[in-house]
Amino acid sequence: MTTVLLIIHLMIAAGLVAVVLLQRSEGGALGIGGGGGGGFLTGRGTANFLTRVTAGLAAAFFVTSIALTLLANHTDKPRSIFDAPVQKGVPAAPKTDTPTEGALPKLNPIDQTPKAPKSQ
């Protein structure tokens, strides 16, 4: 679900960038359309259309952003061992030097004192 919503969010963002760049510049030098006359998508009707498309894409961008935030914060399982909830009232397991079942036995360290060879 999150992946699908993220892909939709990225497509909306790319569309929003494209629509904003298609709009006619109002005297600034940042728009692709420049300020020149004649060309692709000119006139009052297309300006209203692009304004409405921009507003719709911006609203969709905000909605998907909020939805992604809510999905990221609402998880049923912990993501890590460290994020696991602590159970109150349950005593911790006592630490012992004896190995538990399934664990490797504790090996004794090698005695470092030199020993005299046995005579025969």
Protein backbone atom coordinates (compact mmCIF):
# COMPACT_ATOMS: atom_id res chain seq x y z
CA MET A 1 0.00 0.00 0.00
CA THR A 2 2.74 2.42 0.94
CA THR A 3 4.72 1.63 -2.21
CA VAL A 4 1.73 2.25 -4.47
CA LEU A 5 0.94 5.52 -2.70
CA LEU A 6 4.59 6.59 -2.94
CA ILE A 7 4.64 5.93 -6.70
CA ILE A 8 1.44 7.94 -7.14
CA HIS A 9 2.96 10.73 -5.02
CA LEU A 10 6.07 10.85 -7.22
CA MET A 11 3.97 10.93 -10.40
CA ILE A 12 1.92 13.82 -9.00
CA ALA A 13 5.12 15.68 -8.08
CA ALA A 14 6.53 15.22 -11.59
CA GLY A 15 3.23 16.37 -13.12
CA LEU A 16 3.13 19.40 -10.85
CA VAL A 17 6.64 20.41 -11.89
CA ALA A 18 5.74 19.99 -15.57
CA VAL A 19 2.52 22.02 -15.29
CA VAL A 20 4.24 24.84 -13.40
CA LEU A 21 6.97 25.00 -16.04
CA LEU A 22 4.38 25.13 -18.83
CA GLN A 23 2.71 28.21 -17.42
CA ARG A 24 3.46 31.56 -18.94
CA SER A 25 5.92 33.75 -17.11
CA GLU A 26 4.63 37.05 -15.73
CA GLY A 27 7.71 39.12 -16.41
CA GLY A 28 10.20 36.96 -14.54
CA ALA A 29 12.87 34.99 -16.32
CA LEU A 30 12.21 31.65 -14.61
CA GLY A 31 9.47 30.19 -16.81
CA ILE A 32 10.10 28.05 -19.89
CA GLY A 33 7.44 29.93 -21.84
CA GLY A 34 9.33 33.19 -21.42
CA GLY A 35 7.23 36.25 -21.90
CA GLY A 36 7.16 36.17 -25.66
CA GLY A 37 4.04 36.15 -27.77
CA GLY A 38 2.55 33.23 -29.70
CA GLY A 39 3.43 29.62 -29.12
CA PHE A 40 2.21 26.49 -27.40
CA LEU A 41 -0.64 26.85 -24.88
CA THR A 42 -1.20 30.57 -25.09
CA GLY A 43 -4.31 32.53 -24.40
CA ARG A 44 -6.66 33.14 -21.53
CA GLY A 45 -8.47 29.78 -21.72
CA THR A 46 -5.32 27.73 -21.38
CA ALA A 47 -4.09 29.93 -18.53
CA ASN A 48 -7.28 29.15 -16.60
CA PHE A 49 -6.93 25.45 -17.45
CA LEU A 50 -3.30 25.31 -16.30
CA THR A 51 -4.18 27.18 -13.12
CA ARG A 52 -6.91 24.66 -12.32
CA VAL A 53 -4.64 21.70 -13.12
CA THR A 54 -1.93 23.18 -10.91
CA ALA A 55 -4.38 23.65 -8.04
CA GLY A 56 -5.67 20.09 -8.43
CA LEU A 57 -2.20 18.58 -8.53
CA ALA A 58 -1.12 20.66 -5.52
CA ALA A 59 -4.13 19.44 -3.53
CA ALA A 60 -3.42 15.84 -4.54
CA PHE A 61 0.24 16.31 -3.56
CA PHE A 62 -0.77 17.50 -0.08
CA VAL A 63 -3.26 14.65 0.36
CA THR A 64 -0.72 11.99 -0.63
CA SER A 65 1.91 13.61 1.60
CA ILE A 66 -0.39 13.46 4.61
CA ALA A 67 -1.43 9.88 3.77
CA LEU A 68 2.20 8.77 3.50
CA THR A 69 2.98 10.41 6.85
CA LEU A 70 0.05 8.67 8.54
CA LEU A 71 1.02 5.31 7.04
CA ALA A 72 4.63 5.71 8.13
CA ASN A 73 3.62 6.48 11.71
CA HIS A 74 0.99 3.73 11.96
CA THR A 75 2.83 0.41 12.09
CA ASP A 76 1.52 -2.70 13.82
CA LYS A 77 4.85 -4.44 14.28
CA PRO A 78 8.13 -2.98 15.51
CA ARG A 79 10.74 -2.36 12.84
CA SER A 80 13.66 -3.35 15.03
CA ILE A 81 14.42 -5.34 18.13
CA PHE A 82 15.23 -2.09 19.89
CA ASP A 83 11.76 -0.71 19.07
CA ALA A 84 9.95 -3.63 20.73
CA PRO A 85 7.64 -2.55 23.55
CA VAL A 86 8.86 -3.21 27.06
CA GLN A 87 6.52 -5.37 29.09
CA LYS A 88 6.04 -4.03 32.58
CA GLY A 89 5.75 -6.43 35.48
CA VAL A 90 7.69 -9.23 33.78
CA PRO A 91 11.00 -9.91 35.54
CA ALA A 92 14.13 -10.08 33.46
CA ALA A 93 15.82 -13.46 33.03
CA PRO A 94 18.57 -14.02 35.60
CA LYS A 95 22.13 -14.03 34.33
CA THR A 96 23.90 -17.32 34.91
CA ASP A 97 27.29 -18.69 33.99
CA THR A 98 25.85 -22.02 33.01
CA PRO A 99 25.12 -22.46 29.34
CA THR A 100 21.53 -22.60 28.28
CA GLU A 101 20.09 -25.33 26.14
CA GLY A 102 21.29 -25.07 22.58
CA ALA A 103 24.17 -22.75 23.46
CA LEU A 104 27.81 -23.69 23.10
CA PRO A 105 29.40 -24.88 26.34
CA LYS A 106 31.65 -22.45 28.14
CA LEU A 107 35.25 -23.45 27.55
CA ASN A 108 37.84 -23.19 30.29
CA PRO A 109 40.78 -20.95 29.47
CA ILE A 110 44.08 -22.66 28.83
CA ASP A 111 46.33 -22.76 31.86
CA GLN A 112 49.36 -20.60 31.07
CA THR A 113 51.70 -21.97 33.77
CA PRO A 114 54.51 -24.12 32.35
CA LYS A 115 54.56 -27.74 33.46
CA ALA A 116 57.58 -29.95 33.80
CA PRO A 117 57.58 -33.00 31.55
CA LYS A 118 56.85 -36.31 33.25
CA SER A 119 59.80 -38.59 33.64
CA GLN A 120 59.33 -42.18 32.65
